[in-house]
């Protein structure tokens, strides 16, 4: 691990530097009062070799110096009033967070993915910093795998990529001149001072809130047509998608299953362009094609559309790295259309419309109020927004450079986002020429897992066929 562009700066990285959770992060942290709303994220990397353990441990000891967030736990305010804060854990022990294990069974990818899903489903010890690392050994041809598990309240997908980009090395050799700042010291917390500080912070924020409301009201007076358009947008955003969940996928459980697909990025992008769409449009159309094929293979009626949710990044260029800067849009996604070209066109129109809504940052609008509620209440309010989705899909830009960790080259990075009560959460991350697709799905919703994955591969095949000579999507088994 190194940061060559900052090798002359002997200071911690500016990643996740804020001490107080924002309101959206509070929702994710406290909504876990409902176990089905777990907010665990996992990155699973395929390595060309198994790193030397001592060097691997040393790399993470260095990471603790560079990213203080790794040594911070979440501290709830007294009486549950206000937002939780990140504070250095005075009892931090790297050995608890870092471990290695052999891939179970025959050592194949199916066994690796099963083990990774089991780790992801295990709740965090909320009295410790919410992250874990596992180094897997025993994959074919001497390969290894690196699993990083974090709580979503620490960062979103783009923040995770920022972290990996800063903490992974660009070369296999050791970097002796990398920055090595001292470990930050934990500061004892006083509950009374914390409570007073929270009250002061809340009171200080009132003028800004009132000013914001006043500005909005004044703006509405000055621009009544604009206010009307915003109100219309807000109504559309708050209205559930005009699609019911598929009866075939109606059951939900706490059982996560992981799968991994490799897709040629350039060919998928070219296929999207051939239909007048983007890489993301082609990706979503491929997933919907897989869903349609699964319904057909299960001899179930194919709905005209299903409710899906997609994240919308609201991260700005000057925003500090780390943290969560996302909103969400829910749409009625076309399912019955078997023409991949027409499906891409439909998806593109829906996504452009959703991203163009003035009120699409609805989460940011209501989060401050919801964050003040008890966890059980938050779960009851937030749960229906995700549990009704048959699919949540995300597309995260990857890192184009070659990456290494403790001397091992990173060959693939599969992202696994949380499964907050929906049937499946599928994430696309480009790594060089390969699109790494991490499929997290509920085995109660998809009762024939192997069939589901085969249908997803065929769905990508439908779309890739729009670009003559395109490569194939492949499921890792």
Protein backbone atom coordinates (compact mmCIF):
# COMPACT_ATOMS: atom_id res chain seq x y z
CA UNK A 1 0.00 0.00 0.00
CA UNK A 2 1.26 3.45 -0.84
CA UNK A 3 0.19 6.86 -2.06
CA UNK A 4 2.91 7.90 -4.45
CA UNK A 5 1.27 11.20 -5.36
CA UNK A 6 1.39 12.16 -1.66
CA UNK A 7 4.64 10.45 -0.71
CA UNK A 8 6.21 13.72 0.38
CA UNK A 9 3.41 14.48 2.85
CA UNK A 10 4.04 12.88 6.23
CA UNK A 11 0.44 13.22 7.38
CA UNK A 12 -2.73 11.11 7.51
CA UNK A 13 -4.92 11.05 4.43
CA UNK A 14 -7.93 13.31 4.25
CA UNK A 15 -10.39 10.44 3.98
CA UNK A 16 -13.40 10.20 6.24
CA UNK A 17 -12.09 13.13 8.24
CA UNK A 18 -15.42 14.35 9.64
CA UNK A 19 -16.18 13.28 13.22
CA UNK A 20 -19.97 13.53 13.08
CA UNK A 21 -22.17 11.29 10.94
CA UNK A 22 -24.42 13.09 8.51
CA UNK A 23 -28.14 12.43 8.77
CA UNK A 24 -28.18 9.84 5.97
CA UNK A 25 -25.38 7.89 7.67
CA UNK A 26 -27.32 7.99 10.93
CA UNK A 27 -30.28 6.40 9.14
CA UNK A 28 -28.12 3.51 7.91
CA UNK A 29 -26.52 3.03 11.32
CA UNK A 30 -29.74 3.03 13.34
CA UNK A 31 -32.06 1.34 10.85
CA UNK A 32 -30.24 -1.90 11.63
CA UNK A 33 -32.64 -2.21 14.54
CA UNK A 34 -34.40 -4.20 11.80
CA UNK A 35 -31.92 -6.96 10.94
CA UNK A 36 -33.10 -7.04 7.33
CA UNK A 37 -31.82 -3.48 6.85
CA UNK A 38 -28.16 -4.37 7.32
CA UNK A 39 -25.77 -1.81 5.79
CA UNK A 40 -22.66 -3.93 5.33
CA UNK A 41 -20.55 -3.39 2.21
CA UNK A 42 -17.90 -5.82 0.98
CA UNK A 43 -15.12 -5.56 -1.56
CA UNK A 44 -13.65 -8.88 -2.74
CA UNK A 45 -10.39 -8.74 -4.66
CA UNK A 46 -8.76 -11.56 -6.59
CA UNK A 47 -4.96 -11.51 -6.10
CA UNK A 48 -2.44 -13.15 -8.41
CA UNK A 49 -0.52 -14.54 -5.42
CA UNK A 50 -1.02 -14.85 -1.68
CA UNK A 51 0.86 -11.97 -0.01
CA UNK A 52 3.45 -12.62 2.65
CA UNK A 53 1.53 -12.44 5.93
CA UNK A 54 4.04 -10.28 7.80
CA UNK A 55 4.15 -7.78 4.96
CA UNK A 56 0.34 -7.88 4.73
CA UNK A 57 0.02 -7.10 8.45
CA UNK A 58 2.60 -4.32 8.19
CA UNK A 59 0.65 -2.78 5.30
CA UNK A 60 -2.43 -2.57 7.48
CA UNK A 61 -0.48 -1.21 10.43
CA UNK A 62 0.61 1.56 8.06
CA UNK A 63 -2.99 2.01 6.93
CA UNK A 64 -4.00 2.64 10.54
CA UNK A 65 -1.65 5.62 10.56
CA UNK A 66 -2.75 6.97 7.21
CA UNK A 67 -6.52 6.61 7.72
CA UNK A 68 -7.54 7.33 11.32
CA UNK A 69 -11.10 6.23 10.50
CA UNK A 70 -9.88 2.62 10.69
CA UNK A 71 -9.24 3.09 14.41
CA UNK A 72 -12.51 4.90 15.12
CA UNK A 73 -15.68 3.41 16.54
CA UNK A 74 -19.17 4.88 16.51
CA UNK A 75 -20.16 6.62 19.74
CA UNK A 76 -23.85 7.23 20.32
CA UNK A 77 -24.71 10.51 22.07
CA UNK A 78 -26.10 10.40 25.61
CA UNK A 79 -29.81 9.58 25.76
CA UNK A 80 -29.69 8.92 22.01
CA UNK A 81 -30.07 12.65 21.32
CA UNK A 82 -28.37 13.83 18.16
CA UNK A 83 -26.02 12.25 15.68
CA UNK A 84 -23.46 9.56 16.52
CA UNK A 85 -19.81 10.54 16.24
CA UNK A 86 -16.63 8.82 15.17
CA UNK A 87 -14.07 8.60 17.99
CA UNK A 88 -10.74 6.79 18.33
CA UNK A 89 -11.20 3.45 20.07
CA UNK A 90 -8.93 3.41 23.15
CA UNK A 91 -9.00 -0.40 23.08
CA UNK A 92 -8.29 -0.79 19.37
CA UNK A 93 -6.66 -4.13 18.51
CA UNK A 94 -5.69 -4.76 14.89
CA UNK A 95 -5.67 -8.51 15.50
CA UNK A 96 -9.45 -8.46 15.93
CA UNK A 97 -9.99 -6.81 12.53
CA UNK A 98 -7.38 -8.66 10.50
CA UNK A 99 -7.27 -12.40 9.91
CA UNK A 100 -6.56 -15.08 7.31
CA UNK A 101 -8.28 -18.30 6.39
CA UNK A 102 -8.18 -21.03 3.78
CA UNK A 103 -10.94 -21.18 1.21
CA UNK A 104 -13.24 -23.99 2.39
CA UNK A 105 -13.91 -27.20 0.51
CA UNK A 106 -12.23 -27.64 -2.84
CA UNK A 107 -10.96 -24.08 -2.84
CA UNK A 108 -13.00 -22.84 -5.79
CA UNK A 109 -14.79 -19.56 -6.38
CA UNK A 110 -18.16 -20.94 -5.31
CA UNK A 111 -16.70 -21.80 -1.91
CA UNK A 112 -14.98 -18.42 -1.69
CA UNK A 113 -18.22 -16.56 -2.47
CA UNK A 114 -20.13 -18.63 0.08
CA UNK A 115 -17.55 -17.81 2.75
CA UNK A 116 -17.58 -14.12 1.79
CA UNK A 117 -21.39 -13.97 2.06
CA UNK A 118 -21.27 -15.60 5.49
CA UNK A 119 -18.78 -12.96 6.66
CA UNK A 120 -20.95 -10.19 5.21
CA UNK A 121 -24.05 -11.47 7.03
CA UNK A 122 -22.31 -11.50 10.41
CA UNK A 123 -23.23 -8.29 12.28
CA UNK A 124 -20.48 -5.92 13.39
CA UNK A 125 -19.51 -5.59 17.02
CA UNK A 126 -20.85 -2.06 17.40
CA UNK A 127 -18.47 -1.35 20.28
CA UNK A 128 -15.50 -1.61 17.86
CA UNK A 129 -14.55 0.14 14.60
CA UNK A 130 -16.95 -1.34 11.99
CA UNK A 131 -14.60 -3.00 9.54
CA UNK A 132 -12.87 -6.34 9.00
CA UNK A 133 -10.28 -7.74 6.60
CA UNK A 134 -9.83 -11.38 5.63
CA UNK A 135 -6.98 -12.75 3.50
CA UNK A 136 -8.07 -15.98 1.79
CA UNK A 137 -5.55 -18.61 0.77
CA UNK A 138 -5.96 -21.76 -1.28
CA UNK A 139 -7.48 -20.57 -4.55
CA UNK A 140 -6.40 -22.39 -7.74
CA UNK A 141 -3.01 -21.55 -9.28
CA UNK A 142 -1.71 -20.12 -6.03
CA UNK A 143 -4.04 -17.11 -6.09
CA UNK A 144 -5.41 -15.37 -3.03
CA UNK A 145 -8.36 -13.16 -2.24
CA UNK A 146 -8.65 -9.99 -0.16
CA UNK A 147 -11.95 -9.19 1.54
CA UNK A 148 -12.65 -5.77 3.01
CA UNK A 149 -15.88 -5.46 4.98
CA UNK A 150 -17.07 -2.03 6.12
CA UNK A 151 -20.23 -0.41 7.39
CA UNK A 152 -22.00 1.75 4.80
CA UNK A 153 -22.20 4.59 7.33
CA UNK A 154 -18.45 5.06 6.80
CA UNK A 155 -18.62 5.58 3.04
CA UNK A 156 -20.50 5.10 -0.23
CA UNK A 157 -19.28 3.36 -3.38
CA UNK A 158 -17.26 6.30 -4.68
CA UNK A 159 -15.76 6.82 -1.24
CA UNK A 160 -14.70 3.17 -1.19
CA UNK A 161 -12.94 3.55 -4.53
CA UNK A 162 -11.21 6.68 -3.25
CA UNK A 163 -10.01 4.67 -0.27
CA UNK A 164 -8.70 1.75 -2.35
CA UNK A 165 -7.05 4.16 -4.76
CA UNK A 166 -5.18 5.83 -1.93
CA UNK A 167 -4.29 2.75 0.09
CA UNK A 168 -3.29 0.31 -2.67
CA UNK A 169 0.13 0.51 -4.29
CA UNK A 170 0.96 1.06 -7.95
CA UNK A 171 3.87 -1.35 -7.85
CA UNK A 172 4.71 -4.78 -6.49
CA UNK A 173 7.88 -3.74 -4.72
CA UNK A 174 7.99 -2.34 -1.21
CA UNK A 175 7.99 1.48 -0.95
CA UNK A 176 10.45 2.45 1.80
CA UNK A 177 9.96 6.23 1.53
CA UNK A 178 6.18 6.34 2.00
CA UNK A 179 4.76 8.73 4.63
CA UNK A 180 4.57 7.30 8.12
CA UNK A 181 2.74 9.71 10.44
CA UNK A 182 2.36 8.86 14.14
CA UNK A 183 -0.75 7.20 15.40
CA UNK A 184 -3.36 9.65 16.64
CA UNK A 185 -4.07 9.33 20.35
CA UNK A 186 -7.52 8.58 21.67
CA UNK A 187 -9.10 11.42 23.63
CA UNK A 188 -11.36 10.43 26.56
CA UNK A 189 -14.98 11.43 26.03
CA UNK A 190 -17.12 13.05 28.68
CA UNK A 191 -20.84 12.21 28.29
CA UNK A 192 -21.96 15.56 29.71
CA UNK A 193 -19.62 17.52 27.45
CA UNK A 194 -20.78 15.46 24.48
CA UNK A 195 -24.44 16.18 25.25
CA UNK A 196 -23.75 19.89 25.71
CA UNK A 197 -21.79 19.94 22.47
CA UNK A 198 -24.67 18.31 20.64
CA UNK A 199 -27.15 20.85 22.00
CA UNK A 200 -24.84 23.71 21.05
CA UNK A 201 -24.42 22.23 17.57
CA UNK A 202 -28.19 21.88 17.15
CA UNK A 203 -28.86 25.41 18.36
CA UNK A 204 -26.14 26.77 16.10
CA UNK A 205 -27.76 25.04 13.15
CA UNK A 206 -31.20 26.54 13.75
CA UNK A 207 -30.45 29.97 12.19
CA UNK A 208 -29.14 28.28 9.07
CA UNK A 209 -32.19 26.04 8.92
CA UNK A 210 -34.54 28.97 9.42
CA UNK A 211 -32.57 31.00 6.92
CA UNK A 212 -32.78 28.15 4.45
CA UNK A 213 -36.53 27.87 4.94
CA UNK A 214 -36.86 31.64 4.67
CA UNK A 215 -34.82 31.65 1.49
CA UNK A 216 -37.00 28.87 0.08
CA UNK A 217 -40.18 30.77 0.96
CA UNK A 218 -38.76 33.98 -0.47
CA UNK A 219 -37.70 32.10 -3.56
CA UNK A 220 -41.21 30.66 -3.88
CA UNK A 221 -42.65 34.18 -3.71
CA UNK A 222 -40.20 35.46 -6.28
CA UNK A 223 -40.52 32.45 -8.54
CA UNK A 224 -43.93 30.84 -7.99
CA UNK A 225 -43.63 28.85 -11.22
CA UNK A 226 -40.32 27.42 -10.05
CA UNK A 227 -41.84 26.54 -6.69
CA UNK A 228 -44.74 24.85 -8.45
CA UNK A 229 -42.36 22.83 -10.62
CA UNK A 230 -40.42 21.76 -7.53
CA UNK A 231 -43.65 20.71 -5.82
CA UNK A 232 -44.64 18.68 -8.86
CA UNK A 233 -41.19 17.06 -8.88
CA UNK A 234 -41.48 16.30 -5.18
CA UNK A 235 -44.83 14.63 -5.71
CA UNK A 236 -43.40 12.46 -8.51
CA UNK A 237 -40.39 11.48 -6.41
CA UNK A 238 -42.55 10.56 -3.40
CA UNK A 239 -45.03 8.57 -5.48
CA UNK A 240 -44.09 4.87 -5.56
CA UNK A 241 -43.19 3.47 -9.01
CA UNK A 242 -46.15 2.35 -11.10
CA UNK A 243 -45.10 -1.26 -10.80
CA UNK A 244 -45.86 -3.96 -8.28
CA UNK A 245 -43.25 -6.38 -7.07
CA UNK A 246 -43.12 -9.69 -8.92
CA UNK A 247 -45.01 -12.46 -7.06
CA UNK A 248 -42.18 -14.81 -8.02
CA UNK A 249 -39.71 -12.71 -5.99
CA UNK A 250 -42.03 -11.75 -3.14
CA UNK A 251 -40.41 -13.73 -0.32
CA UNK A 252 -37.67 -12.14 1.77
CA UNK A 253 -35.27 -13.52 4.36
CA UNK A 254 -31.96 -12.68 6.04
CA UNK A 255 -30.00 -15.04 3.76
CA UNK A 256 -27.52 -13.35 1.42
CA UNK A 257 -25.97 -15.17 -1.55
CA UNK A 258 -23.00 -13.84 -3.51
CA UNK A 259 -22.20 -14.36 -7.18
CA UNK A 260 -19.59 -12.75 -9.46
CA UNK A 261 -19.67 -12.02 -13.19
CA UNK A 262 -16.99 -10.76 -15.59
CA UNK A 263 -18.20 -8.54 -18.44
CA UNK A 264 -16.09 -6.87 -21.16
CA UNK A 265 -16.39 -3.14 -20.44
CA UNK A 266 -15.59 -1.79 -23.92
CA UNK A 267 -18.03 -4.19 -25.60
CA UNK A 268 -20.84 -3.39 -23.16
CA UNK A 269 -20.26 0.32 -23.71
CA UNK A 270 -20.29 -0.19 -27.50
CA UNK A 271 -23.51 -2.20 -27.23
CA UNK A 272 -25.14 0.62 -25.32
CA UNK A 273 -23.95 3.16 -27.86
CA UNK A 274 -25.37 1.04 -30.69
CA UNK A 275 -28.81 1.50 -29.11
CA UNK A 276 -28.32 5.20 -28.37
CA UNK A 277 -27.52 4.59 -24.72
CA UNK A 278 -24.64 4.59 -22.27
CA UNK A 279 -22.68 1.87 -20.51
CA UNK A 280 -25.01 2.24 -17.52
CA UNK A 281 -28.11 1.95 -19.74
CA UNK A 282 -26.74 -1.24 -21.28
CA UNK A 283 -25.88 -2.62 -17.83
CA UNK A 284 -29.39 -2.05 -16.45
CA UNK A 285 -30.99 -3.42 -19.62
CA UNK A 286 -28.87 -6.56 -19.28
CA UNK A 287 -29.98 -7.09 -15.67
CA UNK A 288 -33.63 -6.69 -16.65
CA UNK A 289 -33.12 -9.16 -19.48
CA UNK A 290 -31.78 -11.63 -16.93
CA UNK A 291 -34.79 -11.06 -14.69
CA UNK A 292 -37.14 -11.67 -17.63
CA UNK A 293 -35.37 -14.89 -18.54
CA UNK A 294 -35.55 -16.09 -14.94
CA UNK A 295 -39.32 -15.60 -14.89
CA UNK A 296 -39.65 -17.46 -18.17
CA UNK A 297 -37.44 -20.32 -16.98
CA UNK A 298 -39.52 -20.59 -13.80
CA UNK A 299 -42.73 -20.65 -15.88
CA UNK A 300 -43.92 -17.52 -14.04
CA UNK A 301 -45.81 -14.58 -15.58
CA UNK A 302 -43.44 -11.85 -16.70
CA UNK A 303 -44.52 -8.45 -15.28
CA UNK A 304 -44.53 -5.52 -17.66
CA UNK A 305 -42.32 -3.67 -15.17
CA UNK A 306 -40.78 -4.12 -11.73
CA UNK A 307 -39.82 -1.55 -9.07
CA UNK A 308 -36.09 -0.92 -8.95
CA UNK A 309 -33.91 1.64 -7.19
CA UNK A 310 -30.67 3.22 -8.38
CA UNK A 311 -28.31 5.45 -6.39
CA UNK A 312 -27.57 8.93 -7.68
CA UNK A 313 -24.24 10.44 -6.68
CA UNK A 314 -24.45 14.00 -5.40
CA UNK A 315 -20.71 14.12 -4.69
CA UNK A 316 -19.09 17.34 -5.88
CA UNK A 317 -15.47 17.72 -7.06
CA UNK A 318 -14.52 19.74 -3.99
CA UNK A 319 -16.20 17.41 -1.47
CA UNK A 320 -13.80 15.72 0.96
CA UNK A 321 -13.12 12.05 0.20
CA UNK A 322 -15.01 9.35 2.07
CA UNK A 323 -18.41 9.65 3.66
CA UNK A 324 -21.74 9.28 1.89
CA UNK A 325 -22.86 11.64 -0.86
CA UNK A 326 -25.72 9.80 -2.53
CA UNK A 327 -29.41 10.05 -3.20
CA UNK A 328 -31.72 7.46 -4.72
CA UNK A 329 -34.33 7.15 -7.45
CA UNK A 330 -37.05 4.52 -7.80
CA UNK A 331 -38.44 3.66 -11.23
CA UNK A 332 -40.77 1.17 -12.87
CA UNK A 333 -38.24 -0.66 -15.01
CA UNK A 334 -39.37 -2.47 -18.19
CA UNK A 335 -39.19 -6.24 -17.93
CA UNK A 336 -41.46 -7.84 -20.53
CA UNK A 337 -39.74 -6.33 -23.58
CA UNK A 338 -37.48 -8.99 -25.10
CA UNK A 339 -35.82 -6.56 -27.54
CA UNK A 340 -32.56 -5.42 -25.87
CA UNK A 341 -32.29 -2.35 -28.11
CA UNK A 342 -35.77 -1.13 -27.18
CA UNK A 343 -35.10 -1.98 -23.53
CA UNK A 344 -31.97 0.20 -23.53
CA UNK A 345 -33.96 3.07 -25.03
CA UNK A 346 -36.67 2.71 -22.37
CA UNK A 347 -34.16 2.49 -19.54
CA UNK A 348 -32.28 5.55 -20.79
CA UNK A 349 -35.44 7.65 -20.88
CA UNK A 350 -36.41 6.58 -17.37
CA UNK A 351 -32.96 7.25 -15.89
CA UNK A 352 -32.62 10.66 -17.53
CA UNK A 353 -36.04 11.60 -16.23
CA UNK A 354 -35.19 10.42 -12.70
CA UNK A 355 -31.86 12.24 -12.62
CA UNK A 356 -33.51 15.40 -13.92
CA UNK A 357 -35.97 15.63 -11.03
CA UNK A 358 -35.41 18.75 -8.94
CA UNK A 359 -36.45 16.89 -5.79
CA UNK A 360 -34.36 13.76 -6.27
CA UNK A 361 -32.37 14.51 -3.10
CA UNK A 362 -35.41 13.57 -1.04
CA UNK A 363 -33.24 11.50 1.31
CA UNK A 364 -31.20 14.58 2.17
CA UNK A 365 -34.35 16.56 2.78
CA UNK A 366 -35.94 14.22 5.30
CA UNK A 367 -32.85 12.58 6.80
CA UNK A 368 -32.18 15.25 9.47
CA UNK A 369 -35.68 14.78 10.90
CA UNK A 370 -35.63 10.98 10.64
CA UNK A 371 -32.18 10.80 12.25
CA UNK A 372 -33.68 12.11 15.50
CA UNK A 373 -36.03 9.14 15.76
CA UNK A 374 -35.35 5.85 17.61
CA UNK A 375 -33.86 3.04 15.55
CA UNK A 376 -37.05 0.99 15.49
CA UNK A 377 -39.03 3.96 14.18
CA UNK A 378 -36.38 4.70 11.54
CA UNK A 379 -36.56 1.07 10.42
CA UNK A 380 -40.34 1.22 10.10
CA UNK A 381 -40.13 4.40 8.02
CA UNK A 382 -37.15 3.47 5.84
CA UNK A 383 -37.91 -0.23 5.43
CA UNK A 384 -40.82 0.07 2.96
CA UNK A 385 -38.68 2.26 0.69
CA UNK A 386 -36.29 -0.63 0.04
CA UNK A 387 -38.16 -3.84 0.82
CA UNK A 388 -40.56 -3.25 -2.04
CA UNK A 389 -37.77 -3.21 -4.64
CA UNK A 390 -37.18 -6.28 -6.76
CA UNK A 391 -33.79 -4.89 -7.76
CA UNK A 392 -31.34 -2.26 -6.62
CA UNK A 393 -28.52 -1.65 -9.06
CA UNK A 394 -25.42 0.49 -8.89
CA UNK A 395 -22.59 1.36 -11.28
CA UNK A 396 -19.36 2.56 -9.66
CA UNK A 397 -16.43 3.87 -11.76
CA UNK A 398 -13.33 1.85 -10.99
CA UNK A 399 -9.60 2.51 -11.06
CA UNK A 400 -7.85 2.21 -14.40
CA UNK A 401 -4.35 1.70 -12.99
CA UNK A 402 -2.76 -1.56 -11.91
CA UNK A 403 -3.07 -2.03 -8.15
CA UNK A 404 -1.07 -4.07 -5.67
CA UNK A 405 -1.40 -4.98 -2.01
CA UNK A 406 1.63 -6.21 -0.07
CA UNK A 407 3.25 -7.37 -3.31
CA UNK A 408 0.20 -9.11 -4.77
CA UNK A 409 -1.43 -7.78 -7.93
CA UNK A 410 -5.16 -7.07 -7.80
CA UNK A 411 -6.70 -8.88 -10.79
CA UNK A 412 -10.40 -8.29 -10.03
CA UNK A 413 -12.47 -6.20 -7.60
CA UNK A 414 -16.02 -7.42 -6.98
CA UNK A 415 -18.28 -5.00 -5.08
CA UNK A 416 -21.09 -6.24 -2.83
CA UNK A 417 -23.46 -3.55 -1.60
CA UNK A 418 -26.02 -4.16 1.18
CA UNK A 419 -29.27 -6.04 0.60
CA UNK A 420 -31.71 -3.85 2.56
CA UNK A 421 -34.77 -6.06 2.24
CA UNK A 422 -34.84 -6.03 -1.57
CA UNK A 423 -34.64 -9.16 -3.73
CA UNK A 424 -31.19 -8.39 -5.16
CA UNK A 425 -28.53 -5.69 -5.03
CA UNK A 426 -26.23 -5.83 -8.05
CA UNK A 427 -23.17 -3.60 -8.47
CA UNK A 428 -20.95 -3.00 -11.49
CA UNK A 429 -17.35 -1.86 -11.03
CA UNK A 430 -14.90 -1.51 -13.90
CA UNK A 431 -11.39 -2.81 -13.28
CA UNK A 432 -9.26 -2.26 -16.35
CA UNK A 433 -10.97 -3.96 -19.31
CA UNK A 434 -13.24 -6.06 -17.11
CA UNK A 435 -16.55 -5.06 -15.59
CA UNK A 436 -16.71 -6.85 -12.25
CA UNK A 437 -20.34 -7.49 -11.33
CA UNK A 438 -21.06 -8.31 -7.69
CA UNK A 439 -24.46 -9.95 -7.25
CA UNK A 440 -25.90 -9.97 -3.73
CA UNK A 441 -29.29 -11.69 -3.71
CA UNK A 442 -31.82 -13.13 -1.29
CA UNK A 443 -32.04 -16.91 -1.65
CA UNK A 444 -35.67 -16.77 -0.50
CA UNK A 445 -36.49 -14.51 -3.45
CA UNK A 446 -34.47 -16.48 -5.99
CA UNK A 447 -35.08 -20.10 -5.06
CA UNK A 448 -33.00 -21.41 -7.97
CA UNK A 449 -29.68 -19.55 -7.52
CA UNK A 450 -27.71 -21.26 -10.30
CA UNK A 451 -30.57 -20.66 -12.74
CA UNK A 452 -30.73 -17.00 -11.74
CA UNK A 453 -27.04 -16.45 -12.38
CA UNK A 454 -27.24 -18.27 -15.72
CA UNK A 455 -30.15 -16.01 -16.70
CA UNK A 456 -28.14 -12.91 -15.77
CA UNK A 457 -25.28 -14.10 -17.98
CA UNK A 458 -27.78 -14.61 -20.82
CA UNK A 459 -29.23 -11.16 -20.18
CA UNK A 460 -25.77 -9.66 -20.71
CA UNK A 461 -25.43 -11.83 -23.81
CA UNK A 462 -28.60 -10.29 -25.28
CA UNK A 463 -27.19 -6.80 -24.89
CA UNK A 464 -23.61 -7.59 -25.93
CA UNK A 465 -24.97 -9.10 -29.16
CA UNK A 466 -25.85 -5.55 -30.26
CA UNK A 467 -22.11 -5.04 -30.80
CA UNK A 468 -20.82 -7.52 -33.43
CA UNK A 469 -17.78 -9.44 -32.25
CA UNK A 470 -18.35 -8.63 -28.60
CA UNK A 471 -16.94 -10.89 -25.92
CA UNK A 472 -19.04 -12.85 -23.47
CA UNK A 473 -20.15 -12.39 -19.90
CA UNK A 474 -18.81 -15.13 -17.62
CA UNK A 475 -19.93 -16.24 -14.18
CA UNK A 476 -17.15 -17.06 -11.71
CA UNK A 477 -17.58 -20.62 -10.45
